[in-house]
Amino acid sequence: MKLKELHKWDVNEEEARKIQVQLKENVRIKPLSKNVNIVCGVDSDYKEDKISTAGVICSFPELEVIEILKVEGRVKFPYIGGLLAFREGENIIKLIEKIEKEVDCFIFDGHGIAHPEKFGLASHIGVWIEKPTIGCAKKLFYGKYSEPPNFPLASTFIKDEEGEIIGHALRNYKGKIIFISPGNLIDFKDCLEIIIKCMKENFSLPYPLHLAHLNSKFSN
């Protein structure tokens, strides 16, 4: 994929927050404009000052693996809550630029609009690549929710402090709750539907994201 550069990655915290405020105006939460036939899970791992990002491209809804890509780089930004995109984004963009397939939707280990600025990792990358993106995480970063009913694939809404819906809390097949929110160019209904269709009984995360998690690991 050829991507236009929206900003430099070599920034400090103050500059990063200004970029966030500017770019979040470009987020569009809307129904999918086309059918999803290919999805890609993206996750990153760290080792000292190095980062490894994997992308696993799968057919949808069959979830057959089409391609696995991996990119390694240097960590240039510290961990600061709410600014994960500036820690992982540069490596993620390098990975996505290597993808030749027409991916219809990306699933990231992180949050979309379930974020204090309504601009988490999945939203940031979604604005950059201009593709539908979904954030999926094992921990809630922002908002509140009611416990979903105790059966697989039950869900409730995540809401912000004003009561606005910003995502879904979804119970996986193992009984654990994962947190889903639209990143960009997708709405709440389509976001939940895609994640549910990506779930498998033996895995806590959507299958493409589970595979990305495994493949992002540094070899010993």
N, C-alpha and C. Protein backbone atom coordinates (compact mmCIF):
# COMPACT_ATOMS: atom_id res chain seq x y z
N MET A 1 0.83 -1.20 0.00
CA MET A 1 0.00 0.00 0.00
C MET A 1 0.87 1.25 0.00
N LYS A 2 0.52 2.20 -0.84
CA LYS A 2 1.20 3.49 -0.81
C LYS A 2 0.41 4.44 0.08
N LEU A 3 1.08 5.02 1.06
CA LEU A 3 0.40 5.86 2.03
C LEU A 3 1.01 7.25 2.07
N LYS A 4 0.16 8.24 2.24
CA LYS A 4 0.67 9.60 2.40
C LYS A 4 1.09 9.80 3.87
N GLU A 5 2.09 10.62 4.08
CA GLU A 5 2.57 10.88 5.43
C GLU A 5 1.77 12.01 6.06
N LEU A 6 1.13 11.72 7.20
CA LEU A 6 0.32 12.73 7.88
C LEU A 6 1.13 13.58 8.86
N HIS A 7 2.17 13.01 9.42
CA HIS A 7 3.00 13.74 10.38
C HIS A 7 4.29 12.97 10.61
N LYS A 8 5.25 13.61 11.25
CA LYS A 8 6.50 12.96 11.65
C LYS A 8 6.26 12.15 12.92
N TRP A 9 7.02 11.10 13.10
CA TRP A 9 6.91 10.28 14.30
C TRP A 9 7.90 10.73 15.38
N ASP A 10 8.91 11.46 14.99
CA ASP A 10 9.92 11.90 15.95
C ASP A 10 9.44 13.17 16.65
N VAL A 11 8.53 12.99 17.64
CA VAL A 11 7.92 14.12 18.33
C VAL A 11 7.99 13.90 19.84
N ASN A 12 7.77 14.97 20.61
CA ASN A 12 7.69 14.84 22.06
C ASN A 12 6.22 14.73 22.48
N GLU A 13 5.98 14.59 23.79
CA GLU A 13 4.61 14.38 24.26
C GLU A 13 3.68 15.55 23.89
N GLU A 14 4.15 16.76 24.07
CA GLU A 14 3.31 17.92 23.76
C GLU A 14 2.93 17.95 22.29
N GLU A 15 3.90 17.68 21.43
CA GLU A 15 3.63 17.67 19.98
C GLU A 15 2.67 16.54 19.63
N ALA A 16 2.86 15.38 20.28
CA ALA A 16 2.00 14.23 20.02
C ALA A 16 0.54 14.54 20.36
N ARG A 17 0.33 15.19 21.47
CA ARG A 17 -1.05 15.52 21.88
C ARG A 17 -1.68 16.54 20.92
N LYS A 18 -0.91 17.46 20.41
CA LYS A 18 -1.42 18.43 19.43
C LYS A 18 -1.81 17.71 18.14
N ILE A 19 -0.98 16.76 17.71
CA ILE A 19 -1.29 15.98 16.50
C ILE A 19 -2.58 15.20 16.69
N GLN A 20 -2.73 14.61 17.87
CA GLN A 20 -3.94 13.85 18.19
C GLN A 20 -5.19 14.71 18.04
N VAL A 21 -5.15 15.89 18.63
CA VAL A 21 -6.30 16.80 18.59
C VAL A 21 -6.64 17.18 17.15
N GLN A 22 -5.61 17.41 16.34
CA GLN A 22 -5.84 17.79 14.94
C GLN A 22 -6.42 16.65 14.13
N LEU A 23 -5.83 15.46 14.27
CA LEU A 23 -6.22 14.34 13.43
C LEU A 23 -7.56 13.72 13.80
N LYS A 24 -7.96 13.83 15.06
CA LYS A 24 -9.20 13.16 15.49
C LYS A 24 -10.42 13.73 14.77
N GLU A 25 -10.30 14.94 14.23
CA GLU A 25 -11.41 15.53 13.47
C GLU A 25 -11.70 14.76 12.19
N ASN A 26 -10.75 13.91 11.77
CA ASN A 26 -10.92 13.15 10.52
C ASN A 26 -11.57 11.79 10.73
N VAL A 27 -11.83 11.40 11.97
CA VAL A 27 -12.45 10.10 12.24
C VAL A 27 -13.90 10.11 11.76
N ARG A 28 -14.28 9.05 11.07
CA ARG A 28 -15.65 8.91 10.60
C ARG A 28 -16.19 7.55 11.05
N ILE A 29 -17.19 7.59 11.93
CA ILE A 29 -17.85 6.36 12.38
C ILE A 29 -19.09 6.19 11.49
N LYS A 30 -19.04 5.21 10.61
CA LYS A 30 -20.08 5.06 9.59
C LYS A 30 -20.16 3.58 9.18
N PRO A 31 -21.30 3.15 8.63
CA PRO A 31 -21.40 1.76 8.16
C PRO A 31 -20.36 1.48 7.08
N LEU A 32 -19.95 0.23 6.99
CA LEU A 32 -18.99 -0.17 5.96
C LEU A 32 -19.55 0.14 4.58
N SER A 33 -18.70 0.60 3.71
CA SER A 33 -19.13 0.97 2.37
C SER A 33 -19.02 -0.20 1.38
N LYS A 34 -18.37 -1.29 1.79
CA LYS A 34 -18.24 -2.46 0.92
C LYS A 34 -18.16 -3.72 1.76
N ASN A 35 -18.39 -4.85 1.12
CA ASN A 35 -18.30 -6.13 1.82
C ASN A 35 -16.88 -6.41 2.26
N VAL A 36 -16.74 -7.09 3.38
CA VAL A 36 -15.42 -7.46 3.89
C VAL A 36 -15.10 -8.89 3.45
N ASN A 37 -14.03 -9.03 2.68
CA ASN A 37 -13.57 -10.35 2.22
C ASN A 37 -12.20 -10.72 2.78
N ILE A 38 -11.44 -9.70 3.19
CA ILE A 38 -10.10 -9.93 3.74
C ILE A 38 -9.91 -9.04 4.96
N VAL A 39 -9.44 -9.63 6.05
CA VAL A 39 -9.14 -8.87 7.26
C VAL A 39 -7.67 -9.08 7.62
N CYS A 40 -7.14 -8.16 8.43
CA CYS A 40 -5.75 -8.26 8.86
C CYS A 40 -5.66 -7.92 10.34
N GLY A 41 -5.12 -8.83 11.14
CA GLY A 41 -4.85 -8.57 12.54
C GLY A 41 -3.43 -8.03 12.69
N VAL A 42 -3.26 -7.03 13.55
CA VAL A 42 -1.95 -6.39 13.72
C VAL A 42 -1.64 -6.27 15.21
N ASP A 43 -0.44 -6.73 15.61
CA ASP A 43 -0.02 -6.65 17.01
C ASP A 43 1.48 -6.43 17.05
N SER A 44 1.96 -5.86 18.17
CA SER A 44 3.38 -5.57 18.34
C SER A 44 3.91 -6.17 19.63
N ASP A 45 5.21 -6.46 19.62
CA ASP A 45 5.90 -6.97 20.79
C ASP A 45 7.17 -6.13 20.99
N TYR A 46 7.68 -6.13 22.22
CA TYR A 46 8.85 -5.32 22.55
C TYR A 46 9.95 -6.19 23.14
N LYS A 47 11.17 -5.79 22.88
CA LYS A 47 12.34 -6.39 23.51
C LYS A 47 13.39 -5.30 23.67
N GLU A 48 13.57 -4.87 24.93
CA GLU A 48 14.46 -3.74 25.22
C GLU A 48 14.00 -2.52 24.41
N ASP A 49 14.85 -2.00 23.52
CA ASP A 49 14.44 -0.82 22.76
C ASP A 49 14.00 -1.17 21.34
N LYS A 50 13.66 -2.44 21.13
CA LYS A 50 13.22 -2.88 19.81
C LYS A 50 11.72 -3.20 19.82
N ILE A 51 11.10 -3.04 18.65
CA ILE A 51 9.69 -3.37 18.47
C ILE A 51 9.53 -4.28 17.27
N SER A 52 8.68 -5.26 17.41
CA SER A 52 8.37 -6.19 16.33
C SER A 52 6.86 -6.16 16.10
N THR A 53 6.46 -5.90 14.87
CA THR A 53 5.04 -5.81 14.52
C THR A 53 4.71 -6.86 13.47
N ALA A 54 3.64 -7.61 13.73
CA ALA A 54 3.20 -8.64 12.78
C ALA A 54 1.81 -8.32 12.26
N GLY A 55 1.60 -8.64 11.00
CA GLY A 55 0.28 -8.54 10.39
C GLY A 55 -0.10 -9.88 9.80
N VAL A 56 -1.27 -10.38 10.17
CA VAL A 56 -1.74 -11.67 9.65
C VAL A 56 -3.00 -11.42 8.83
N ILE A 57 -2.91 -11.69 7.54
CA ILE A 57 -4.00 -11.44 6.61
C ILE A 57 -4.79 -12.73 6.44
N CYS A 58 -6.11 -12.65 6.64
CA CYS A 58 -6.98 -13.83 6.55
C CYS A 58 -8.18 -13.54 5.65
N SER A 59 -8.68 -14.60 5.04
CA SER A 59 -9.95 -14.50 4.33
C SER A 59 -11.06 -14.31 5.35
N PHE A 60 -12.14 -13.70 4.93
CA PHE A 60 -13.26 -13.46 5.84
C PHE A 60 -14.56 -13.82 5.14
N PRO A 61 -15.42 -14.59 5.77
CA PRO A 61 -15.38 -15.04 7.17
C PRO A 61 -14.71 -16.40 7.40
N GLU A 62 -14.05 -16.97 6.38
CA GLU A 62 -13.47 -18.31 6.54
C GLU A 62 -12.30 -18.34 7.52
N LEU A 63 -11.57 -17.21 7.62
CA LEU A 63 -10.42 -17.07 8.50
C LEU A 63 -9.28 -18.02 8.12
N GLU A 64 -9.11 -18.21 6.84
CA GLU A 64 -7.95 -18.96 6.35
C GLU A 64 -6.80 -17.98 6.14
N VAL A 65 -5.61 -18.35 6.63
CA VAL A 65 -4.46 -17.44 6.55
C VAL A 65 -4.00 -17.30 5.11
N ILE A 66 -3.87 -16.07 4.65
CA ILE A 66 -3.41 -15.76 3.30
C ILE A 66 -1.93 -15.38 3.31
N GLU A 67 -1.54 -14.57 4.31
CA GLU A 67 -0.16 -14.08 4.36
C GLU A 67 0.17 -13.61 5.77
N ILE A 68 1.44 -13.77 6.14
CA ILE A 68 1.95 -13.27 7.41
C ILE A 68 3.14 -12.37 7.13
N LEU A 69 3.09 -11.15 7.66
CA LEU A 69 4.16 -10.17 7.46
C LEU A 69 4.70 -9.73 8.81
N LYS A 70 5.96 -9.34 8.83
CA LYS A 70 6.58 -8.91 10.09
C LYS A 70 7.61 -7.82 9.81
N VAL A 71 7.63 -6.81 10.68
CA VAL A 71 8.59 -5.71 10.57
C VAL A 71 9.16 -5.42 11.95
N GLU A 72 10.48 -5.23 12.01
CA GLU A 72 11.12 -4.86 13.27
C GLU A 72 11.70 -3.45 13.17
N GLY A 73 11.74 -2.78 14.31
CA GLY A 73 12.28 -1.43 14.32
C GLY A 73 12.72 -1.04 15.72
N ARG A 74 13.02 0.24 15.90
CA ARG A 74 13.45 0.77 17.19
C ARG A 74 12.31 1.55 17.84
N VAL A 75 12.19 1.42 19.14
CA VAL A 75 11.20 2.19 19.89
C VAL A 75 11.75 3.60 20.10
N LYS A 76 11.00 4.59 19.66
CA LYS A 76 11.47 5.97 19.74
C LYS A 76 10.65 6.83 20.69
N PHE A 77 9.52 6.30 21.17
CA PHE A 77 8.62 7.09 22.01
C PHE A 77 8.33 6.30 23.28
N PRO A 78 8.33 6.95 24.43
CA PRO A 78 8.09 6.23 25.69
C PRO A 78 6.64 5.78 25.80
N TYR A 79 6.37 4.87 26.74
CA TYR A 79 4.97 4.50 26.98
C TYR A 79 4.32 5.62 27.78
N ILE A 80 3.30 6.24 27.19
CA ILE A 80 2.50 7.26 27.85
C ILE A 80 1.05 6.91 27.58
N GLY A 81 0.26 6.77 28.64
CA GLY A 81 -1.13 6.40 28.48
C GLY A 81 -1.86 7.31 27.50
N GLY A 82 -2.55 6.71 26.55
CA GLY A 82 -3.30 7.47 25.56
C GLY A 82 -2.53 7.83 24.31
N LEU A 83 -1.23 7.55 24.30
CA LEU A 83 -0.39 7.92 23.15
C LEU A 83 0.31 6.69 22.54
N LEU A 84 -0.34 5.54 22.63
CA LEU A 84 0.26 4.30 22.13
C LEU A 84 0.60 4.39 20.64
N ALA A 85 -0.19 5.12 19.89
CA ALA A 85 0.06 5.23 18.44
C ALA A 85 1.44 5.80 18.14
N PHE A 86 1.94 6.66 19.01
CA PHE A 86 3.25 7.27 18.77
C PHE A 86 4.39 6.33 19.16
N ARG A 87 4.07 5.29 19.89
CA ARG A 87 5.06 4.27 20.24
C ARG A 87 5.12 3.16 19.20
N GLU A 88 3.95 2.79 18.65
CA GLU A 88 3.87 1.66 17.73
C GLU A 88 3.58 2.06 16.29
N GLY A 89 3.06 3.27 16.10
CA GLY A 89 2.53 3.66 14.79
C GLY A 89 3.51 3.60 13.64
N GLU A 90 4.72 4.08 13.86
CA GLU A 90 5.69 4.10 12.75
C GLU A 90 5.96 2.69 12.23
N ASN A 91 6.13 1.74 13.15
CA ASN A 91 6.39 0.36 12.73
C ASN A 91 5.16 -0.26 12.07
N ILE A 92 3.98 0.08 12.58
CA ILE A 92 2.74 -0.43 11.98
C ILE A 92 2.58 0.08 10.55
N ILE A 93 2.86 1.36 10.34
CA ILE A 93 2.74 1.92 8.99
C ILE A 93 3.73 1.25 8.04
N LYS A 94 4.95 1.00 8.52
CA LYS A 94 5.94 0.30 7.67
C LYS A 94 5.43 -1.08 7.29
N LEU A 95 4.78 -1.76 8.22
CA LEU A 95 4.21 -3.08 7.94
C LEU A 95 3.10 -2.98 6.89
N ILE A 96 2.18 -2.05 7.10
CA ILE A 96 1.05 -1.92 6.19
C ILE A 96 1.51 -1.55 4.78
N GLU A 97 2.57 -0.77 4.69
CA GLU A 97 3.09 -0.40 3.37
C GLU A 97 3.62 -1.61 2.60
N LYS A 98 3.93 -2.70 3.30
CA LYS A 98 4.41 -3.91 2.65
C LYS A 98 3.27 -4.78 2.12
N ILE A 99 2.04 -4.50 2.54
CA ILE A 99 0.90 -5.33 2.16
C ILE A 99 0.49 -5.04 0.72
N GLU A 100 0.41 -6.09 -0.08
CA GLU A 100 -0.01 -5.94 -1.47
C GLU A 100 -1.47 -6.31 -1.67
N LYS A 101 -2.02 -7.14 -0.80
CA LYS A 101 -3.42 -7.54 -0.89
C LYS A 101 -4.33 -6.35 -0.56
N GLU A 102 -5.54 -6.39 -1.07
CA GLU A 102 -6.53 -5.36 -0.76
C GLU A 102 -7.26 -5.75 0.52
N VAL A 103 -6.76 -5.29 1.64
CA VAL A 103 -7.36 -5.60 2.93
C VAL A 103 -8.58 -4.71 3.15
N ASP A 104 -9.69 -5.32 3.56
CA ASP A 104 -10.93 -4.57 3.72
C ASP A 104 -11.12 -4.02 5.12
N CYS A 105 -10.48 -4.66 6.11
CA CYS A 105 -10.62 -4.19 7.49
C CYS A 105 -9.42 -4.65 8.32
N PHE A 106 -8.90 -3.75 9.13
CA PHE A 106 -7.77 -4.05 10.02
C PHE A 106 -8.25 -4.11 11.46
N ILE A 107 -7.71 -5.08 12.21
CA ILE A 107 -8.02 -5.22 13.64
C ILE A 107 -6.71 -5.03 14.41
N PHE A 108 -6.70 -4.06 15.33
CA PHE A 108 -5.49 -3.72 16.07
C PHE A 108 -5.60 -4.09 17.54
N ASP A 109 -4.46 -4.46 18.13
CA ASP A 109 -4.39 -4.65 19.56
C ASP A 109 -4.27 -3.28 20.21
N GLY A 110 -5.40 -2.71 20.55
CA GLY A 110 -5.45 -1.36 21.08
C GLY A 110 -6.89 -0.89 21.03
N HIS A 111 -7.10 0.41 21.18
CA HIS A 111 -8.45 0.95 21.19
C HIS A 111 -8.69 1.87 20.01
N GLY A 112 -9.96 2.01 19.67
CA GLY A 112 -10.36 2.97 18.65
C GLY A 112 -10.83 4.24 19.35
N ILE A 113 -12.15 4.48 19.32
CA ILE A 113 -12.66 5.69 19.96
C ILE A 113 -12.96 5.48 21.45
N ALA A 114 -12.74 4.29 21.99
CA ALA A 114 -12.86 4.08 23.44
C ALA A 114 -11.57 4.58 24.09
N HIS A 115 -11.44 5.88 24.09
CA HIS A 115 -10.18 6.56 24.40
C HIS A 115 -10.54 7.97 24.88
N PRO A 116 -9.79 8.55 25.82
CA PRO A 116 -10.15 9.88 26.34
C PRO A 116 -10.30 10.95 25.26
N GLU A 117 -9.50 10.85 24.20
CA GLU A 117 -9.60 11.80 23.08
C GLU A 117 -10.43 11.25 21.93
N LYS A 118 -11.02 10.05 22.16
CA LYS A 118 -11.74 9.34 21.09
C LYS A 118 -10.84 9.15 19.86
N PHE A 119 -9.56 8.86 20.17
CA PHE A 119 -8.58 8.73 19.09
C PHE A 119 -7.45 7.81 19.54
N GLY A 120 -7.78 6.55 19.75
CA GLY A 120 -6.77 5.58 20.13
C GLY A 120 -5.99 5.08 18.92
N LEU A 121 -5.19 4.04 19.16
CA LEU A 121 -4.32 3.49 18.12
C LEU A 121 -5.07 3.15 16.84
N ALA A 122 -6.20 2.44 16.95
CA ALA A 122 -6.94 2.01 15.76
C ALA A 122 -7.52 3.20 14.99
N SER A 123 -7.91 4.25 15.71
CA SER A 123 -8.41 5.44 15.03
C SER A 123 -7.28 6.19 14.33
N HIS A 124 -6.16 6.32 15.02
CA HIS A 124 -5.00 7.03 14.46
C HIS A 124 -4.53 6.36 13.17
N ILE A 125 -4.33 5.05 13.24
CA ILE A 125 -3.87 4.34 12.03
C ILE A 125 -4.97 4.33 10.97
N GLY A 126 -6.23 4.25 11.41
CA GLY A 126 -7.34 4.26 10.46
C GLY A 126 -7.40 5.54 9.66
N VAL A 127 -7.14 6.68 10.31
CA VAL A 127 -7.10 7.96 9.60
C VAL A 127 -5.92 7.99 8.64
N TRP A 128 -4.78 7.45 9.07
CA TRP A 128 -3.57 7.46 8.23
C TRP A 128 -3.77 6.63 6.97
N ILE A 129 -4.32 5.42 7.12
CA ILE A 129 -4.41 4.50 5.97
C ILE A 129 -5.74 4.62 5.21
N GLU A 130 -6.71 5.35 5.79
CA GLU A 130 -8.02 5.55 5.16
C GLU A 130 -8.70 4.23 4.84
N LYS A 131 -8.67 3.33 5.84
CA LYS A 131 -9.31 2.02 5.73
C LYS A 131 -10.13 1.77 7.00
N PRO A 132 -11.16 0.91 6.93
CA PRO A 132 -11.89 0.55 8.15
C PRO A 132 -10.96 -0.13 9.15
N THR A 133 -11.02 0.33 10.39
CA THR A 133 -10.17 -0.22 11.44
C THR A 133 -10.98 -0.44 12.71
N ILE A 134 -10.57 -1.47 13.47
CA ILE A 134 -11.22 -1.82 14.73
C ILE A 134 -10.16 -1.96 15.80
N GLY A 135 -10.43 -1.42 16.98
CA GLY A 135 -9.56 -1.62 18.13
C GLY A 135 -10.11 -2.76 18.99
N CYS A 136 -9.23 -3.63 19.46
CA CYS A 136 -9.64 -4.77 20.28
C CYS A 136 -8.58 -4.98 21.35
N ALA A 137 -8.98 -4.91 22.60
CA ALA A 137 -8.02 -4.99 23.70
C ALA A 137 -8.56 -5.85 24.84
N LYS A 138 -7.62 -6.37 25.65
CA LYS A 138 -8.00 -7.20 26.79
C LYS A 138 -8.30 -6.38 28.03
N LYS A 139 -7.90 -5.09 28.01
CA LYS A 139 -8.15 -4.22 29.15
C LYS A 139 -8.85 -2.95 28.68
N LEU A 140 -9.78 -2.48 29.50
CA LEU A 140 -10.46 -1.23 29.20
C LEU A 140 -9.57 -0.06 29.59
N PHE A 141 -9.40 0.88 28.70
CA PHE A 141 -8.56 2.04 28.97
C PHE A 141 -9.40 3.25 29.40
N TYR A 142 -10.59 3.36 28.82
CA TYR A 142 -11.42 4.53 29.10
C TYR A 142 -12.88 4.14 28.95
N GLY A 143 -13.74 4.70 29.81
CA GLY A 143 -15.17 4.44 29.73
C GLY A 143 -15.63 3.47 30.81
N LYS A 144 -16.90 3.15 30.78
CA LYS A 144 -17.47 2.21 31.74
C LYS A 144 -18.48 1.32 31.03
N TYR A 145 -18.75 0.17 31.63
CA TYR A 145 -19.64 -0.79 31.00
C TYR A 145 -20.31 -1.64 32.07
N SER A 146 -21.41 -2.26 31.70
CA SER A 146 -22.05 -3.26 32.55
C SER A 146 -21.55 -4.64 32.13
N GLU A 147 -21.44 -5.53 33.08
CA GLU A 147 -20.96 -6.89 32.80
C GLU A 147 -21.88 -7.57 31.79
N PRO A 148 -21.33 -8.10 30.69
CA PRO A 148 -22.17 -8.84 29.74
C PRO A 148 -22.73 -10.11 30.38
N PRO A 149 -23.88 -10.61 29.91
CA PRO A 149 -24.40 -11.88 30.41
C PRO A 149 -23.34 -12.97 30.32
N ASN A 150 -23.45 -13.96 31.18
CA ASN A 150 -22.40 -14.98 31.29
C ASN A 150 -22.56 -16.11 30.27
N PHE A 151 -22.49 -15.76 29.01
CA PHE A 151 -22.45 -16.78 27.96
C PHE A 151 -21.63 -16.22 26.80
N PRO A 152 -21.02 -17.09 25.99
CA PRO A 152 -20.11 -16.65 24.93
C PRO A 152 -20.76 -15.68 23.94
N LEU A 153 -20.02 -14.65 23.59
CA LEU A 153 -20.37 -13.65 22.59
C LEU A 153 -21.49 -12.72 23.03
N ALA A 154 -21.80 -12.73 24.34
CA ALA A 154 -22.72 -11.71 24.87
C ALA A 154 -21.96 -10.39 24.95
N SER A 155 -22.68 -9.29 24.77
CA SER A 155 -22.00 -8.00 24.77
C SER A 155 -22.85 -6.91 25.42
N THR A 156 -22.18 -5.89 25.90
CA THR A 156 -22.82 -4.68 26.39
C THR A 156 -22.05 -3.49 25.82
N PHE A 157 -22.62 -2.31 25.97
CA PHE A 157 -21.96 -1.12 25.46
C PHE A 157 -20.93 -0.58 26.44
N ILE A 158 -19.87 0.00 25.90
CA ILE A 158 -18.96 0.85 26.66
C ILE A 158 -19.44 2.28 26.44
N LYS A 159 -19.52 3.06 27.53
CA LYS A 159 -19.98 4.44 27.41
C LYS A 159 -18.97 5.39 28.05
N ASP A 160 -18.93 6.61 27.54
CA ASP A 160 -18.04 7.61 28.13
C ASP A 160 -18.71 8.28 29.33
N GLU A 161 -18.10 9.30 29.86
CA GLU A 161 -18.62 9.96 31.06
C GLU A 161 -19.96 10.64 30.84
N GLU A 162 -20.28 11.00 29.61
CA GLU A 162 -21.55 11.63 29.29
C GLU A 162 -22.62 10.62 28.90
N GLY A 163 -22.25 9.34 28.88
CA GLY A 163 -23.20 8.29 28.51
C GLY A 163 -23.24 7.98 27.03
N GLU A 164 -22.32 8.56 26.26
CA GLU A 164 -22.27 8.28 24.82
C GLU A 164 -21.60 6.93 24.58
N ILE A 165 -22.16 6.15 23.67
CA ILE A 165 -21.60 4.83 23.34
C ILE A 165 -20.28 5.01 22.61
N ILE A 166 -19.25 4.29 23.08
CA ILE A 166 -17.94 4.38 22.43
C ILE A 166 -17.36 3.00 22.10
N GLY A 167 -18.11 1.92 22.39
CA GLY A 167 -17.60 0.60 22.05
C GLY A 167 -18.44 -0.50 22.66
N HIS A 168 -17.88 -1.72 22.62
CA HIS A 168 -18.56 -2.90 23.15
C HIS A 168 -17.65 -3.68 24.09
N ALA A 169 -18.24 -4.21 25.15
CA ALA A 169 -17.57 -5.21 25.98
C ALA A 169 -18.13 -6.56 25.55
N LEU A 170 -17.27 -7.44 25.09
CA LEU A 170 -17.69 -8.73 24.51
C LEU A 170 -17.10 -9.88 25.31
N ARG A 171 -17.95 -10.81 25.69
CA ARG A 171 -17.45 -12.00 26.40
C ARG A 171 -17.00 -13.04 25.38
N ASN A 172 -15.76 -13.50 25.51
CA ASN A 172 -15.25 -14.50 24.56
C ASN A 172 -15.66 -15.91 24.99
N TYR A 173 -15.22 -16.89 24.23
CA TYR A 173 -15.61 -18.28 24.52
C TYR A 173 -15.02 -18.79 25.83
N LYS A 174 -13.97 -18.14 26.32
CA LYS A 174 -13.35 -18.55 27.57
C LYS A 174 -13.95 -17.84 28.79
N GLY A 175 -14.95 -17.01 28.55
CA GLY A 175 -15.61 -16.32 29.64
C GLY A 175 -15.01 -14.98 29.99
N LYS A 176 -13.89 -14.63 29.35
CA LYS A 176 -13.23 -13.35 29.61
C LYS A 176 -13.86 -12.26 28.73
N ILE A 177 -13.66 -11.01 29.16
CA ILE A 177 -14.22 -9.89 28.42
C ILE A 177 -13.12 -9.18 27.63
N ILE A 178 -13.41 -8.91 26.38
CA ILE A 178 -12.52 -8.10 25.55
C ILE A 178 -13.27 -6.83 25.16
N PHE A 179 -12.52 -5.81 24.80
CA PHE A 179 -13.10 -4.49 24.60
C PHE A 179 -12.86 -4.03 23.16
N ILE A 180 -13.95 -3.73 22.50
CA ILE A 180 -13.93 -3.45 21.06
C ILE A 180 -14.46 -2.04 20.82
N SER A 181 -13.81 -1.32 19.93
CA SER A 181 -14.36 -0.02 19.52
C SER A 181 -13.97 0.28 18.08
N PRO A 182 -14.86 0.96 17.36
CA PRO A 182 -14.51 1.33 15.99
C PRO A 182 -13.34 2.29 15.97
N GLY A 183 -12.48 2.11 14.98
CA GLY A 183 -11.35 3.02 14.82
C GLY A 183 -11.70 4.13 13.84
N ASN A 184 -11.99 3.73 12.60
CA ASN A 184 -12.34 4.69 11.57
C ASN A 184 -13.07 3.96 10.44
N LEU A 185 -13.98 4.65 9.80
CA LEU A 185 -14.70 4.16 8.61
C LEU A 185 -15.47 2.86 8.85
N ILE A 186 -15.98 2.70 10.06
CA ILE A 186 -16.81 1.55 10.42
C ILE A 186 -17.70 2.00 11.58
N ASP A 187 -18.87 1.37 11.73
CA ASP A 187 -19.74 1.76 12.84
C ASP A 187 -19.76 0.67 13.91
N PHE A 188 -20.56 0.89 14.95
CA PHE A 188 -20.58 -0.03 16.09
C PHE A 188 -21.13 -1.40 15.71
N LYS A 189 -22.17 -1.43 14.90
CA LYS A 189 -22.79 -2.69 14.50
C LYS A 189 -21.82 -3.54 13.67
N ASP A 190 -21.23 -2.93 12.64
CA ASP A 190 -20.32 -3.69 11.77
C ASP A 190 -19.07 -4.12 12.54
N CYS A 191 -18.60 -3.25 13.41
CA CYS A 191 -17.43 -3.53 14.23
C CYS A 191 -17.65 -4.79 15.07
N LEU A 192 -18.77 -4.85 15.77
CA LEU A 192 -19.08 -6.01 16.62
C LEU A 192 -19.29 -7.26 15.78
N GLU A 193 -19.99 -7.13 14.68
CA GLU A 193 -20.28 -8.28 13.81
C GLU A 193 -18.99 -8.91 13.28
N ILE A 194 -18.05 -8.09 12.84
CA ILE A 194 -16.80 -8.62 12.31
C ILE A 194 -16.00 -9.33 13.40
N ILE A 195 -15.91 -8.72 14.58
CA ILE A 195 -15.16 -9.34 15.66
C ILE A 195 -15.79 -10.67 16.07
N ILE A 196 -17.10 -10.72 16.19
CA ILE A 196 -17.77 -11.98 16.56
C ILE A 196 -17.48 -13.06 15.53
N LYS A 197 -17.49 -12.71 14.26
CA LYS A 197 -17.21 -13.71 13.22
C LYS A 197 -15.75 -14.11 13.19
N CYS A 198 -14.88 -13.33 13.82
CA CYS A 198 -13.46 -13.66 13.89
C CYS A 198 -13.10 -14.45 15.16
N MET A 199 -14.07 -14.66 16.04
CA MET A 199 -13.79 -15.38 17.28
C MET A 199 -13.82 -16.89 17.05
N LYS A 200 -12.92 -17.61 17.72
CA LYS A 200 -12.90 -19.07 17.71
C LYS A 200 -12.88 -19.57 19.16
N GLU A 201 -13.43 -20.74 19.37
CA GLU A 201 -13.63 -21.23 20.74
C GLU A 201 -12.35 -21.37 21.55
N ASN A 202 -11.24 -21.69 20.92
CA ASN A 202 -10.01 -21.96 21.68
C ASN A 202 -9.15 -20.73 21.92
N PHE A 203 -9.60 -19.56 21.46
CA PHE A 203 -8.75 -18.37 21.53
C PHE A 203 -9.48 -17.21 22.20
N SER A 204 -8.73 -16.45 22.99
CA SER A 204 -9.31 -15.32 23.72
C SER A 204 -9.57 -14.12 22.83
N LEU A 205 -8.75 -13.94 21.81
CA LEU A 205 -8.85 -12.80 20.91
C LEU A 205 -9.38 -13.22 19.54
N PRO A 206 -9.85 -12.28 18.73
CA PRO A 206 -10.20 -12.62 17.35
C PRO A 206 -9.03 -13.34 16.68
N TYR A 207 -9.34 -14.36 15.90
CA TYR A 207 -8.30 -15.25 15.37
C TYR A 207 -7.18 -14.51 14.63
N PRO A 208 -7.46 -13.57 13.73
CA PRO A 208 -6.35 -12.87 13.06
C PRO A 208 -5.46 -12.11 14.04
N LEU A 209 -6.06 -11.55 15.09
CA LEU A 209 -5.29 -10.82 16.08
C LEU A 209 -4.49 -11.78 16.97
N HIS A 210 -5.08 -12.91 17.28
CA HIS A 210 -4.36 -13.95 18.04
C HIS A 210 -3.11 -14.39 17.28
N LEU A 211 -3.25 -14.62 15.99
CA LEU A 211 -2.10 -15.04 15.18
C LEU A 211 -1.06 -13.92 15.07
N ALA A 212 -1.52 -12.68 14.97
CA ALA A 212 -0.58 -11.55 14.93
C ALA A 212 0.18 -11.46 16.25
N HIS A 213 -0.50 -11.70 17.35
CA HIS A 213 0.15 -11.70 18.67
C HIS A 213 1.25 -12.73 18.71
N LEU A 214 0.98 -13.94 18.25
CA LEU A 214 2.00 -15.01 18.25
C LEU A 214 3.17 -14.67 17.34
N ASN A 215 2.87 -14.16 16.16
CA ASN A 215 3.92 -13.91 15.18
C ASN A 215 4.73 -12.65 15.44
N SER A 216 4.24 -11.78 16.31
CA SER A 216 4.99 -10.57 16.63
C SER A 216 6.12 -10.83 17.61
N LYS A 217 6.11 -11.99 18.27
CA LYS A 217 7.07 -12.27 19.31
C LYS A 217 8.50 -12.34 18.77
N PHE A 218 9.45 -11.81 19.54
CA PHE A 218 10.86 -11.94 19.20
C PHE A 218 11.29 -13.37 19.46
N SER A 219 12.08 -13.91 18.56
CA SER A 219 12.64 -15.24 18.78
C SER A 219 13.79 -15.13 19.78
N ASN A 220 13.91 -16.10 20.67
CA ASN A 220 14.96 -16.08 21.70
C ASN A 220 16.33 -16.35 21.08
